Amino acid sequence: MEGRVKQAVARRGTFAHRLAIVFVLQIAVVVVAIFMGMNNVAPVWAVLAVVLCSGGLSWLAVAREWQPVSALARAMERWDPNQPDMDVFGAGSYARRSDHDVISLVKSLQGFASRIESFGERERNFTRDASHELRSPLTVIKMSSDMLSDEPALSEFGHRSLERIRRSTRELEALVEAFLILSRESDKGLVEEDFIVNDVLRQEVEYARELTVGRPVELVLDEPATFALHASPRVFAVLCGQLIRHALQQTDQGKIVVTVMPGSVSVINPSIDAPGSQAVRKAHASVDRHGFDLAIARRLSDRFQWPLELRALPGAARVASIRFPHPQAVDG
């Protein structure tokens, strides 16, 4: 195929070169016709006929040269990224009637389409394998932790270690859930339904309270408003859970308030520089403040177009709020 492509290039030249030849010939014909008309060598009607014929032939020549580009545009319209067909970009079908520029474009599109197909295959394999291979060990860890907690001979140190295992397992579950959502190129596979955000938030707050065991941190859910959304409750839960965990990571002591307002959810936590936090910070030096959960929350908010806003309040408190553009009222 490459040999045929090189022969076609050598025989036909470039697109711009052939267009230049067409227009030079047209201009030459027009100049000769006008010169013959000015010298009464040919009548006026003959000059006009020659000019019109040369213009028509030039248009036909340009249209013929443009045919491969039009064919490539039609092929792009037929191409479906979800069900890619590599035969659409077969460079061999263009080699007999195209120049080097068009063939280079076709070969580049063929490579690009192949990469998209490979990307889609890797995405499907990852989401399928990771969903099973990561969740199964986590389920085993949770079941083993529950069985171990019923052991009467477990020491106090063992209970503390067991609680840390449970908290880490819960964090890893949320992290895996977020990664699986973000790894999908589209929202396909996420079930959308009408749900009340307050119900989902209560469950997420209860899960997050496991992370406050042994720490002077209080987690409170304030519900001055109630609203519903038509979306994926799984995505909503992961997004709010990431913000709550980020607030827990950034807080040494004090109260973290999760507030439900009309069309928005906010997480308010005191600053790490609040008075009296130095001693607590030394006692809990392992608290992670790298903001990884916040980065995931930002990506989720951008992905599903739920704006995330971070701001500081008087008194060194910080607020992370999510605004939902299309909230629904809850009857009763």
C-alpha atoms as a PDB file:
ATOM      1  CA  MET A   1       0.000   0.000   0.000  1.00  0.00           C
ATOM      2  CA  GLU A   2       2.839   2.417   0.811  1.00  0.00           C
ATOM      3  CA  GLY A   3       4.302   1.784  -2.643  1.00  0.00           C
ATOM      4  CA  ARG A   4       1.017   2.768  -4.283  1.00  0.00           C
ATOM      5  CA  VAL A   5       0.844   5.866  -2.111  1.00  0.00           C
ATOM      6  CA  LYS A   6       4.352   6.970  -3.141  1.00  0.00           C
ATOM      7  CA  GLN A   7       3.557   6.381  -6.811  1.00  0.00           C
ATOM      8  CA  ALA A   8       0.373   8.434  -6.545  1.00  0.00           C
ATOM      9  CA  VAL A   9       2.267  11.256  -4.855  1.00  0.00           C
ATOM     10  CA  ALA A  10       5.010  11.236  -7.442  1.00  0.00           C
ATOM     11  CA  ARG A  11       2.496  11.188 -10.317  1.00  0.00           C
ATOM     12  CA  ARG A  12       0.053  13.780  -9.061  1.00  0.00           C
ATOM     13  CA  GLY A  13       2.043  16.181  -6.921  1.00  0.00           C
ATOM     14  CA  THR A  14       0.499  18.232  -4.131  1.00  0.00           C
ATOM     15  CA  PHE A  15      -2.976  19.684  -3.973  1.00  0.00           C
ATOM     16  CA  ALA A  16      -1.747  23.288  -3.930  1.00  0.00           C
ATOM     17  CA  HIS A  17       0.547  22.631  -6.882  1.00  0.00           C
ATOM     18  CA  ARG A  18      -2.266  21.298  -9.050  1.00  0.00           C
ATOM     19  CA  LEU A  19      -4.588  24.159  -8.102  1.00  0.00           C
ATOM     20  CA  ALA A  20      -1.877  26.646  -9.045  1.00  0.00           C
ATOM     21  CA  ILE A  21      -1.557  25.010 -12.473  1.00  0.00           C
ATOM     22  CA  VAL A  22      -5.332  25.196 -13.017  1.00  0.00           C
ATOM     23  CA  PHE A  23      -5.545  28.886 -12.159  1.00  0.00           C
ATOM     24  CA  VAL A  24      -2.440  29.797 -14.173  1.00  0.00           C
ATOM     25  CA  LEU A  25      -3.927  28.098 -17.226  1.00  0.00           C
ATOM     26  CA  GLN A  26      -7.251  29.845 -16.672  1.00  0.00           C
ATOM     27  CA  ILE A  27      -5.610  33.246 -16.395  1.00  0.00           C
ATOM     28  CA  ALA A  28      -3.573  32.545 -19.535  1.00  0.00           C
ATOM     29  CA  VAL A  29      -6.700  31.592 -21.493  1.00  0.00           C
ATOM     30  CA  VAL A  30      -8.576  34.688 -20.294  1.00  0.00           C
ATOM     31  CA  VAL A  31      -5.664  36.993 -21.160  1.00  0.00           C
ATOM     32  CA  VAL A  32      -5.325  35.476 -24.644  1.00  0.00           C
ATOM     33  CA  ALA A  33      -9.071  35.715 -25.253  1.00  0.00           C
ATOM     34  CA  ILE A  34      -9.186  39.362 -24.140  1.00  0.00           C
ATOM     35  CA  PHE A  35      -6.151  40.178 -26.284  1.00  0.00           C
ATOM     36  CA  MET A  36      -7.817  38.561 -29.317  1.00  0.00           C
ATOM     37  CA  GLY A  37     -11.001  40.517 -28.666  1.00  0.00           C
ATOM     38  CA  MET A  38      -9.154  43.838 -28.342  1.00  0.00           C
ATOM     39  CA  ASN A  39      -7.385  43.225 -31.669  1.00  0.00           C
ATOM     40  CA  ASN A  40     -10.612  42.156 -33.418  1.00  0.00           C
ATOM     41  CA  VAL A  41      -9.188  38.704 -34.030  1.00  0.00           C
ATOM     42  CA  ALA A  42     -12.303  37.147 -32.459  1.00  0.00           C
ATOM     43  CA  PRO A  43     -15.820  38.528 -31.900  1.00  0.00           C
ATOM     44  CA  VAL A  44     -17.007  39.538 -28.442  1.00  0.00           C
ATOM     45  CA  TRP A  45     -19.344  36.591 -28.054  1.00  0.00           C
ATOM     46  CA  ALA A  46     -16.475  34.197 -28.783  1.00  0.00           C
ATOM     47  CA  VAL A  47     -14.308  35.898 -26.141  1.00  0.00           C
ATOM     48  CA  LEU A  48     -17.109  35.619 -23.577  1.00  0.00           C
ATOM     49  CA  ALA A  49     -17.658  31.978 -24.488  1.00  0.00           C
ATOM     50  CA  VAL A  50     -13.964  31.188 -24.044  1.00  0.00           C
ATOM     51  CA  VAL A  51     -13.870  32.971 -20.662  1.00  0.00           C
ATOM     52  CA  LEU A  52     -16.991  31.135 -19.434  1.00  0.00           C
ATOM     53  CA  CYS A  53     -15.737  27.767 -20.676  1.00  0.00           C
ATOM     54  CA  SER A  54     -12.363  28.256 -19.021  1.00  0.00           C
ATOM     55  CA  GLY A  55     -14.068  29.188 -15.753  1.00  0.00           C
ATOM     56  CA  GLY A  56     -16.334  26.128 -15.933  1.00  0.00           C
ATOM     57  CA  LEU A  57     -13.422  23.807 -16.668  1.00  0.00           C
ATOM     58  CA  SER A  58     -11.440  25.320 -13.798  1.00  0.00           C
ATOM     59  CA  TRP A  59     -14.383  24.761 -11.449  1.00  0.00           C
ATOM     60  CA  LEU A  60     -14.672  21.126 -12.570  1.00  0.00           C
ATOM     61  CA  ALA A  61     -10.924  20.607 -12.062  1.00  0.00           C
ATOM     62  CA  VAL A  62     -11.050  22.097  -8.549  1.00  0.00           C
ATOM     63  CA  ALA A  63     -14.152  20.053  -7.691  1.00  0.00           C
ATOM     64  CA  ARG A  64     -12.410  16.888  -8.850  1.00  0.00           C
ATOM     65  CA  GLU A  65      -9.399  17.670  -6.693  1.00  0.00           C
ATOM     66  CA  TRP A  66     -11.713  18.322  -3.728  1.00  0.00           C
ATOM     67  CA  GLN A  67     -13.477  14.957  -3.986  1.00  0.00           C
ATOM     68  CA  PRO A  68     -11.078  13.088  -1.625  1.00  0.00           C
ATOM     69  CA  VAL A  69     -11.570  15.776   1.027  1.00  0.00           C
ATOM     70  CA  SER A  70     -15.356  15.501   0.691  1.00  0.00           C
ATOM     71  CA  ALA A  71     -15.125  11.715   0.914  1.00  0.00           C
ATOM     72  CA  LEU A  72     -13.041  12.023   4.068  1.00  0.00           C
ATOM     73  CA  ALA A  73     -15.588  14.427   5.582  1.00  0.00           C
ATOM     74  CA  ARG A  74     -18.416  11.961   4.858  1.00  0.00           C
ATOM     75  CA  ALA A  75     -16.364   9.176   6.422  1.00  0.00           C
ATOM     76  CA  MET A  76     -15.920  11.263   9.582  1.00  0.00           C
ATOM     77  CA  GLU A  77     -19.687  11.823   9.743  1.00  0.00           C
ATOM     78  CA  ARG A  78     -20.317   8.073   9.539  1.00  0.00           C
ATOM     79  CA  TRP A  79     -17.665   7.194  12.102  1.00  0.00           C
ATOM     80  CA  ASP A  80     -19.002   6.364  15.580  1.00  0.00           C
ATOM     81  CA  PRO A  81     -16.404   6.564  18.402  1.00  0.00           C
ATOM     82  CA  ASN A  82     -18.473   4.125  20.486  1.00  0.00           C
ATOM     83  CA  GLN A  83     -18.427   1.550  17.661  1.00  0.00           C
ATOM     84  CA  PRO A  84     -15.329   2.452  15.647  1.00  0.00           C
ATOM     85  CA  ASP A  85     -14.911   1.038  12.154  1.00  0.00           C
ATOM     86  CA  MET A  86     -11.309   1.266  10.980  1.00  0.00           C
ATOM     87  CA  ASP A  87     -12.261   0.438   7.364  1.00  0.00           C
ATOM     88  CA  VAL A  88     -13.753   3.931   7.051  1.00  0.00           C
ATOM     89  CA  PHE A  89     -10.223   5.382   7.100  1.00  0.00           C
ATOM     90  CA  GLY A  90      -8.677   2.836   4.748  1.00  0.00           C
ATOM     91  CA  ALA A  91      -5.768   4.759   3.233  1.00  0.00           C
ATOM     92  CA  GLY A  92      -5.657   2.391   0.251  1.00  0.00           C
ATOM     93  CA  SER A  93      -8.972   3.694  -1.098  1.00  0.00           C
ATOM     94  CA  TYR A  94      -7.594   7.247  -1.158  1.00  0.00           C
ATOM     95  CA  ALA A  95      -4.192   6.480  -2.652  1.00  0.00           C
ATOM     96  CA  ARG A  96      -5.429   6.167  -6.224  1.00  0.00           C
ATOM     97  CA  ARG A  97      -7.041   9.605  -6.350  1.00  0.00           C
ATOM     98  CA  SER A  98      -5.423  11.714  -3.653  1.00  0.00           C
ATOM     99  CA  ASP A  99      -2.216  13.562  -3.003  1.00  0.00           C
ATOM    100  CA  HIS A 100       0.232  13.378  -0.162  1.00  0.00           C
ATOM    101  CA  ASP A 101      -1.602  15.865   2.089  1.00  0.00           C
ATOM    102  CA  VAL A 102      -4.907  13.975   2.021  1.00  0.00           C
ATOM    103  CA  ILE A 103      -3.218  10.597   2.495  1.00  0.00           C
ATOM    104  CA  SER A 104      -1.236  11.937   5.463  1.00  0.00           C
ATOM    105  CA  LEU A 105      -4.468  13.214   6.991  1.00  0.00           C
ATOM    106  CA  VAL A 106      -6.167   9.849   6.438  1.00  0.00           C
ATOM    107  CA  LYS A 107      -3.298   7.931   8.018  1.00  0.00           C
ATOM    108  CA  SER A 108      -3.263  10.303  11.006  1.00  0.00           C
ATOM    109  CA  LEU A 109      -7.024   9.903  11.487  1.00  0.00           C
ATOM    110  CA  GLN A 110      -6.626   6.146  11.224  1.00  0.00           C
ATOM    111  CA  GLY A 111      -4.025   6.166  13.999  1.00  0.00           C
ATOM    112  CA  PHE A 112      -6.158   8.512  16.092  1.00  0.00           C
ATOM    113  CA  ALA A 113      -9.208   6.268  15.666  1.00  0.00           C
ATOM    114  CA  SER A 114      -7.161   3.235  16.671  1.00  0.00           C
ATOM    115  CA  ARG A 115      -6.000   4.980  19.825  1.00  0.00           C
ATOM    116  CA  ILE A 116      -9.592   5.930  20.716  1.00  0.00           C
ATOM    117  CA  GLU A 117     -10.679   2.337  20.210  1.00  0.00           C
ATOM    118  CA  SER A 118      -7.845   1.115  22.437  1.00  0.00           C
ATOM    119  CA  PHE A 119      -8.700   3.725  25.052  1.00  0.00           C
ATOM    120  CA  GLY A 120     -12.335   2.631  25.109  1.00  0.00           C
ATOM    121  CA  GLU A 121     -11.294  -0.998  25.485  1.00  0.00           C
ATOM    122  CA  ARG A 122      -8.952  -0.154  28.376  1.00  0.00           C
ATOM    123  CA  GLU A 123     -11.693   1.885  30.051  1.00  0.00           C
ATOM    124  CA  ARG A 124     -14.163  -0.997  29.856  1.00  0.00           C
ATOM    125  CA  ASN A 125     -11.599  -3.510  31.097  1.00  0.00           C
ATOM    126  CA  PHE A 126     -10.522  -1.282  33.983  1.00  0.00           C
ATOM    127  CA  THR A 127     -14.006  -0.439  35.206  1.00  0.00           C
ATOM    128  CA  ARG A 128     -15.080  -4.077  34.954  1.00  0.00           C
ATOM    129  CA  ASP A 129     -11.991  -5.604  36.548  1.00  0.00           C
ATOM    130  CA  ALA A 130     -11.438  -2.903  39.161  1.00  0.00           C
ATOM    131  CA  SER A 131     -15.072  -2.994  40.210  1.00  0.00           C
ATOM    132  CA  HIS A 132     -14.785  -6.695  41.000  1.00  0.00           C
ATOM    133  CA  GLU A 133     -11.149  -7.157  41.970  1.00  0.00           C
ATOM    134  CA  LEU A 134     -11.032  -4.194  44.361  1.00  0.00           C
ATOM    135  CA  ARG A 135     -14.443  -4.501  45.948  1.00  0.00           C
ATOM    136  CA  SER A 136     -14.143  -8.201  46.712  1.00  0.00           C
ATOM    137  CA  PRO A 137     -11.102  -7.851  49.028  1.00  0.00           C
ATOM    138  CA  LEU A 138     -12.725  -4.858  50.717  1.00  0.00           C
ATOM    139  CA  THR A 139     -15.839  -6.922  51.423  1.00  0.00           C
ATOM    140  CA  VAL A 140     -13.684  -9.649  52.951  1.00  0.00           C
ATOM    141  CA  ILE A 141     -11.877  -7.096  55.133  1.00  0.00           C
ATOM    142  CA  LYS A 142     -15.168  -5.640  56.363  1.00  0.00           C
ATOM    143  CA  MET A 143     -16.614  -9.061  57.171  1.00  0.00           C
ATOM    144  CA  SER A 144     -13.431 -10.102  58.966  1.00  0.00           C
ATOM    145  CA  SER A 145     -13.412  -6.863  60.959  1.00  0.00           C
ATOM    146  CA  ASP A 146     -17.005  -7.419  62.073  1.00  0.00           C
ATOM    147  CA  MET A 147     -16.185 -10.973  63.144  1.00  0.00           C
ATOM    148  CA  LEU A 148     -13.050  -9.838  64.937  1.00  0.00           C
ATOM    149  CA  SER A 149     -14.935  -7.135  66.848  1.00  0.00           C
ATOM    150  CA  ASP A 150     -17.057  -9.855  68.502  1.00  0.00           C
ATOM    151  CA  GLU A 151     -13.956 -11.557  69.861  1.00  0.00           C
ATOM    152  CA  PRO A 152     -14.148 -11.258  73.700  1.00  0.00           C
ATOM    153  CA  ALA A 153     -10.430 -11.737  74.246  1.00  0.00           C
ATOM    154  CA  LEU A 154      -9.474  -8.771  72.045  1.00  0.00           C
ATOM    155  CA  SER A 155      -7.315  -6.276  73.948  1.00  0.00           C
ATOM    156  CA  GLU A 156      -7.840  -2.521  74.057  1.00  0.00           C
ATOM    157  CA  PHE A 157      -4.957  -2.040  71.658  1.00  0.00           C
ATOM    158  CA  GLY A 158      -6.576  -4.575  69.333  1.00  0.00           C
ATOM    159  CA  HIS A 159      -9.879  -2.646  69.436  1.00  0.00           C
ATOM    160  CA  ARG A 160      -8.085   0.580  68.518  1.00  0.00           C
ATOM    161  CA  SER A 161      -6.309  -1.164  65.656  1.00  0.00           C
ATOM    162  CA  LEU A 162      -9.593  -2.674  64.509  1.00  0.00           C
ATOM    163  CA  GLU A 163     -11.214   0.769  64.432  1.00  0.00           C
ATOM    164  CA  ARG A 164      -8.346   2.105  62.322  1.00  0.00           C
ATOM    165  CA  ILE A 165      -8.790  -0.804  59.920  1.00  0.00           C
ATOM    166  CA  ARG A 166     -12.494  -0.058  59.650  1.00  0.00           C
ATOM    167  CA  ARG A 167     -11.896   3.638  58.992  1.00  0.00           C
ATOM    168  CA  SER A 168      -9.242   2.923  56.383  1.00  0.00           C
ATOM    169  CA  THR A 169     -11.515   0.375  54.718  1.00  0.00           C
ATOM    170  CA  ARG A 170     -14.318   2.892  54.520  1.00  0.00           C
ATOM    171  CA  GLU A 171     -11.982   5.531  53.049  1.00  0.00           C
ATOM    172  CA  LEU A 172     -10.677   3.048  50.510  1.00  0.00           C
ATOM    173  CA  GLU A 173     -14.231   2.132  49.521  1.00  0.00           C
ATOM    174  CA  ALA A 174     -15.048   5.779  48.871  1.00  0.00           C
ATOM    175  CA  LEU A 175     -11.808   6.245  46.938  1.00  0.00           C
ATOM    176  CA  VAL A 176     -12.460   3.219  44.725  1.00  0.00           C
ATOM    177  CA  GLU A 177     -16.006   4.438  44.098  1.00  0.00           C
ATOM    178  CA  ALA A 178     -14.738   7.875  43.042  1.00  0.00           C
ATOM    179  CA  PHE A 179     -12.070   6.422  40.761  1.00  0.00           C
ATOM    180  CA  LEU A 180     -14.552   4.119  39.060  1.00  0.00           C
ATOM    181  CA  ILE A 181     -16.856   7.057  38.360  1.00  0.00           C
ATOM    182  CA  LEU A 182     -14.067   9.280  37.028  1.00  0.00           C
ATOM    183  CA  SER A 183     -12.537   6.507  34.926  1.00  0.00           C
ATOM    184  CA  ARG A 184     -15.629   6.315  32.734  1.00  0.00           C
ATOM    185  CA  GLU A 185     -15.458   8.540  29.680  1.00  0.00           C
ATOM    186  CA  SER A 186     -19.252   8.953  29.688  1.00  0.00           C
ATOM    187  CA  ASP A 187     -21.978   8.717  32.308  1.00  0.00           C
ATOM    188  CA  LYS A 188     -23.153   5.402  30.860  1.00  0.00           C
ATOM    189  CA  GLY A 189     -23.763   2.853  33.581  1.00  0.00           C
ATOM    190  CA  LEU A 190     -24.735   5.382  36.273  1.00  0.00           C
ATOM    191  CA  VAL A 191     -28.415   5.072  37.093  1.00  0.00           C
ATOM    192  CA  GLU A 192     -30.204   8.428  37.377  1.00  0.00           C
ATOM    193  CA  GLU A 193     -33.293   8.758  39.514  1.00  0.00           C
ATOM    194  CA  ASP A 194     -35.189  11.222  41.705  1.00  0.00           C
ATOM    195  CA  PHE A 195     -33.820  11.179  45.257  1.00  0.00           C
ATOM    196  CA  ILE A 196     -33.902  13.408  48.326  1.00  0.00           C
ATOM    197  CA  VAL A 197     -30.435  14.748  49.061  1.00  0.00           C
ATOM    198  CA  ASN A 198     -31.070  14.863  52.821  1.00  0.00           C
ATOM    199  CA  ASP A 199     -31.505  11.089  52.981  1.00  0.00           C
ATOM    200  CA  VAL A 200     -28.248  10.447  51.159  1.00  0.00           C
ATOM    201  CA  LEU A 201     -26.397  13.012  53.271  1.00  0.00           C
ATOM    202  CA  ARG A 202     -27.549  11.431  56.527  1.00  0.00           C
ATOM    203  CA  GLN A 203     -26.005   8.148  55.463  1.00  0.00           C
ATOM    204  CA  GLU A 204     -22.745   9.794  54.388  1.00  0.00           C
ATOM    205  CA  VAL A 205     -22.517  11.695  57.689  1.00  0.00           C
ATOM    206  CA  GLU A 206     -23.015   8.461  59.623  1.00  0.00           C
ATOM    207  CA  TYR A 207     -20.248   6.815  57.621  1.00  0.00           C
ATOM    208  CA  ALA A 208     -17.948   9.786  58.223  1.00  0.00           C
ATOM    209  CA  ARG A 209     -18.572   9.769  61.968  1.00  0.00           C
ATOM    210  CA  GLU A 210     -16.511   6.575  62.105  1.00  0.00           C
ATOM    211  CA  LEU A 211     -13.508   8.754  61.255  1.00  0.00           C
ATOM    212  CA  THR A 212     -14.036  10.953  64.346  1.00  0.00           C
ATOM    213  CA  VAL A 213     -13.652   8.156  66.894  1.00  0.00           C
ATOM    214  CA  GLY A 214     -10.942   9.105  69.391  1.00  0.00           C
ATOM    215  CA  ARG A 215     -10.671  12.681  68.102  1.00  0.00           C
ATOM    216  CA  PRO A 216     -12.089  15.922  69.590  1.00  0.00           C
ATOM    217  CA  VAL A 217     -14.052  16.537  66.388  1.00  0.00           C
ATOM    218  CA  GLU A 218     -17.844  16.725  66.141  1.00  0.00           C
ATOM    219  CA  LEU A 219     -19.698  16.177  62.879  1.00  0.00           C
ATOM    220  CA  VAL A 220     -23.165  17.735  62.648  1.00  0.00           C
ATOM    221  CA  LEU A 221     -25.802  17.665  59.915  1.00  0.00           C
ATOM    222  CA  ASP A 222     -27.906  20.839  59.745  1.00  0.00           C
ATOM    223  CA  GLU A 223     -31.046  20.624  57.572  1.00  0.00           C
ATOM    224  CA  PRO A 224     -32.821  23.984  57.304  1.00  0.00           C
ATOM    225  CA  ALA A 225     -33.976  22.983  53.800  1.00  0.00           C
ATOM    226  CA  THR A 226     -34.927  19.853  51.899  1.00  0.00           C
ATOM    227  CA  PHE A 227     -34.734  19.321  48.155  1.00  0.00           C
ATOM    228  CA  ALA A 228     -34.462  16.522  45.613  1.00  0.00           C
ATOM    229  CA  LEU A 229     -32.371  15.932  42.514  1.00  0.00           C
ATOM    230  CA  HIS A 230     -32.734  13.919  39.335  1.00  0.00           C
ATOM    231  CA  ALA A 231     -29.248  12.498  39.057  1.00  0.00           C
ATOM    232  CA  SER A 232     -27.140   9.588  40.186  1.00  0.00           C
ATOM    233  CA  PRO A 233     -27.378   9.249  43.983  1.00  0.00           C
ATOM    234  CA  ARG A 234     -24.132   7.305  43.875  1.00  0.00           C
ATOM    235  CA  VAL A 235     -22.258  10.270  42.357  1.00  0.00           C
ATOM    236  CA  PHE A 236     -23.880  12.690  44.801  1.00  0.00           C
ATOM    237  CA  ALA A 237     -22.910  10.510  47.758  1.00  0.00           C
ATOM    238  CA  VAL A 238     -19.301  10.155  46.588  1.00  0.00           C
ATOM    239  CA  LEU A 239     -18.952  13.905  45.962  1.00  0.00           C
ATOM    240  CA  CYS A 240     -20.356  14.944  49.353  1.00  0.00           C
ATOM    241  CA  GLY A 241     -18.418  12.176  51.081  1.00  0.00           C
ATOM    242  CA  GLN A 242     -15.152  13.461  49.609  1.00  0.00           C
ATOM    243  CA  LEU A 243     -15.860  16.983  50.893  1.00  0.00           C
ATOM    244  CA  ILE A 244     -16.713  15.701  54.363  1.00  0.00           C
ATOM    245  CA  ARG A 245     -13.553  13.587  54.511  1.00  0.00           C
ATOM    246  CA  HIS A 246     -11.492  16.541  53.338  1.00  0.00           C
ATOM    247  CA  ALA A 247     -12.934  18.652  56.156  1.00  0.00           C
ATOM    248  CA  LEU A 248     -12.087  15.903  58.658  1.00  0.00           C
ATOM    249  CA  GLN A 249      -8.530  15.772  57.360  1.00  0.00           C
ATOM    250  CA  GLN A 250      -8.194  19.542  57.726  1.00  0.00           C
ATOM    251  CA  THR A 251      -9.643  19.735  61.239  1.00  0.00           C
ATOM    252  CA  ASP A 252      -7.812  19.034  64.503  1.00  0.00           C
ATOM    253  CA  GLN A 253     -10.673  19.877  66.833  1.00  0.00           C
ATOM    254  CA  GLY A 254     -14.035  21.594  66.798  1.00  0.00           C
ATOM    255  CA  LYS A 255     -17.305  21.188  64.968  1.00  0.00           C
ATOM    256  CA  ILE A 256     -17.789  20.390  61.302  1.00  0.00           C
ATOM    257  CA  VAL A 257     -21.251  21.347  60.057  1.00  0.00           C
ATOM    258  CA  VAL A 258     -22.819  19.886  56.920  1.00  0.00           C
ATOM    259  CA  THR A 259     -25.657  22.214  55.900  1.00  0.00           C
ATOM    260  CA  VAL A 260     -28.443  21.651  53.399  1.00  0.00           C
ATOM    261  CA  MET A 261     -29.679  24.891  51.844  1.00  0.00           C
ATOM    262  CA  PRO A 262     -32.158  25.314  48.956  1.00  0.00           C
ATOM    263  CA  GLY A 263     -30.272  24.011  45.919  1.00  0.00           C
ATOM    264  CA  SER A 264     -26.891  23.665  47.639  1.00  0.00           C
ATOM    265  CA  VAL A 265     -24.913  21.682  50.197  1.00  0.00           C
ATOM    266  CA  SER A 266     -22.078  23.182  52.222  1.00  0.00           C
ATOM    267  CA  VAL A 267     -19.430  21.793  54.570  1.00  0.00           C
ATOM    268  CA  ILE A 268     -18.104  24.244  57.169  1.00  0.00           C
ATOM    269  CA  ASN A 269     -15.053  23.403  59.233  1.00  0.00           C
ATOM    270  CA  PRO A 270     -12.854  25.496  61.559  1.00  0.00           C
ATOM    271  CA  SER A 271      -9.388  26.479  60.500  1.00  0.00           C
ATOM    272  CA  ILE A 272      -6.383  24.367  61.454  1.00  0.00           C
ATOM    273  CA  ASP A 273      -4.955  27.564  62.940  1.00  0.00           C
ATOM    274  CA  ALA A 274      -7.840  28.004  65.375  1.00  0.00           C
ATOM    275  CA  PRO A 275      -6.806  28.767  69.001  1.00  0.00           C
ATOM    276  CA  GLY A 276      -5.997  25.746  71.087  1.00  0.00           C
ATOM    277  CA  SER A 277      -5.314  23.458  68.162  1.00  0.00           C
ATOM    278  CA  GLN A 278      -1.537  23.238  68.575  1.00  0.00           C
ATOM    279  CA  ALA A 279      -1.630  20.581  71.278  1.00  0.00           C
ATOM    280  CA  VAL A 280      -4.263  18.583  69.424  1.00  0.00           C
ATOM    281  CA  ARG A 281      -2.229  18.796  66.226  1.00  0.00           C
ATOM    282  CA  LYS A 282       0.754  17.258  68.004  1.00  0.00           C
ATOM    283  CA  ALA A 283      -1.434  14.492  69.404  1.00  0.00           C
ATOM    284  CA  HIS A 284      -2.880  13.758  65.960  1.00  0.00           C
ATOM    285  CA  ALA A 285       0.136  14.417  63.793  1.00  0.00           C
ATOM    286  CA  SER A 286      -0.935  11.656  61.432  1.00  0.00           C
ATOM    287  CA  VAL A 287      -3.871  13.711  60.115  1.00  0.00           C
ATOM    288  CA  ASP A 288      -3.424  14.030  56.345  1.00  0.00           C
ATOM    289  CA  ARG A 289      -3.815  17.499  54.841  1.00  0.00           C
ATOM    290  CA  HIS A 290      -2.709  16.917  51.259  1.00  0.00           C
ATOM    291  CA  GLY A 291      -6.217  17.649  49.928  1.00  0.00           C
ATOM    292  CA  PHE A 292      -6.520  14.550  47.758  1.00  0.00           C
ATOM    293  CA  ASP A 293     -10.243  14.235  48.548  1.00  0.00           C
ATOM    294  CA  LEU A 294     -10.778  17.853  47.533  1.00  0.00           C
ATOM    295  CA  ALA A 295      -9.056  17.252  44.196  1.00  0.00           C
ATOM    296  CA  ILE A 296     -11.391  14.319  43.522  1.00  0.00           C
ATOM    297  CA  ALA A 297     -14.395  16.441  44.534  1.00  0.00           C
ATOM    298  CA  ARG A 298     -13.324  19.144  42.086  1.00  0.00           C
ATOM    299  CA  ARG A 299     -13.087  16.644  39.252  1.00  0.00           C
ATOM    300  CA  LEU A 300     -16.518  15.222  40.075  1.00  0.00           C
ATOM    301  CA  SER A 301     -18.101  18.670  40.247  1.00  0.00           C
ATOM    302  CA  ASP A 302     -16.570  19.631  36.899  1.00  0.00           C
ATOM    303  CA  ARG A 303     -17.605  16.339  35.351  1.00  0.00           C
ATOM    304  CA  PHE A 304     -21.279  16.606  36.357  1.00  0.00           C
ATOM    305  CA  GLN A 305     -21.484  20.424  36.214  1.00  0.00           C
ATOM    306  CA  TRP A 306     -22.223  20.923  39.893  1.00  0.00           C
ATOM    307  CA  PRO A 307     -20.206  24.061  40.722  1.00  0.00           C
ATOM    308  CA  LEU A 308     -17.915  23.739  43.737  1.00  0.00           C
ATOM    309  CA  GLU A 309     -16.964  26.901  45.606  1.00  0.00           C
ATOM    310  CA  LEU A 310     -14.376  27.324  48.363  1.00  0.00           C
ATOM    311  CA  ARG A 311     -14.333  30.403  50.563  1.00  0.00           C
ATOM    312  CA  ALA A 312     -13.288  31.610  54.019  1.00  0.00           C
ATOM    313  CA  LEU A 313     -15.663  33.018  56.621  1.00  0.00           C
ATOM    314  CA  PRO A 314     -14.935  35.489  59.439  1.00  0.00           C
ATOM    315  CA  GLY A 315     -13.403  33.668  62.357  1.00  0.00           C
ATOM    316  CA  ALA A 316     -11.061  31.559  60.221  1.00  0.00           C
ATOM    317  CA  ALA A 317     -13.784  29.082  59.243  1.00  0.00           C
ATOM    318  CA  ARG A 318     -13.693  27.585  55.753  1.00  0.00           C
ATOM    319  CA  VAL A 319     -16.646  26.617  53.583  1.00  0.00           C
ATOM    320  CA  ALA A 320     -16.873  24.200  50.672  1.00  0.00           C
ATOM    321  CA  SER A 321     -20.265  24.469  48.969  1.00  0.00           C
ATOM    322  CA  ILE A 322     -21.785  22.670  46.000  1.00  0.00           C
ATOM    323  CA  ARG A 323     -24.542  24.313  43.998  1.00  0.00           C
ATOM    324  CA  PHE A 324     -27.018  22.189  42.048  1.00  0.00           C
ATOM    325  CA  PRO A 325     -28.506  24.037  39.046  1.00  0.00           C
ATOM    326  CA  HIS A 326     -31.788  22.100  38.878  1.00  0.00           C
ATOM    327  CA  PRO A 327     -33.080  21.272  42.391  1.00  0.00           C
ATOM    328  CA  GLN A 328     -36.569  19.845  42.811  1.00  0.00           C
ATOM    329  CA  ALA A 329     -39.026  20.685  45.560  1.00  0.00           C
ATOM    330  CA  VAL A 330     -40.077  17.985  47.992  1.00  0.00           C
ATOM    331  CA  ASP A 331     -43.803  17.723  48.713  1.00  0.00           C
ATOM    332  CA  GLY A 332     -44.771  17.835  52.367  1.00  0.00           C
END
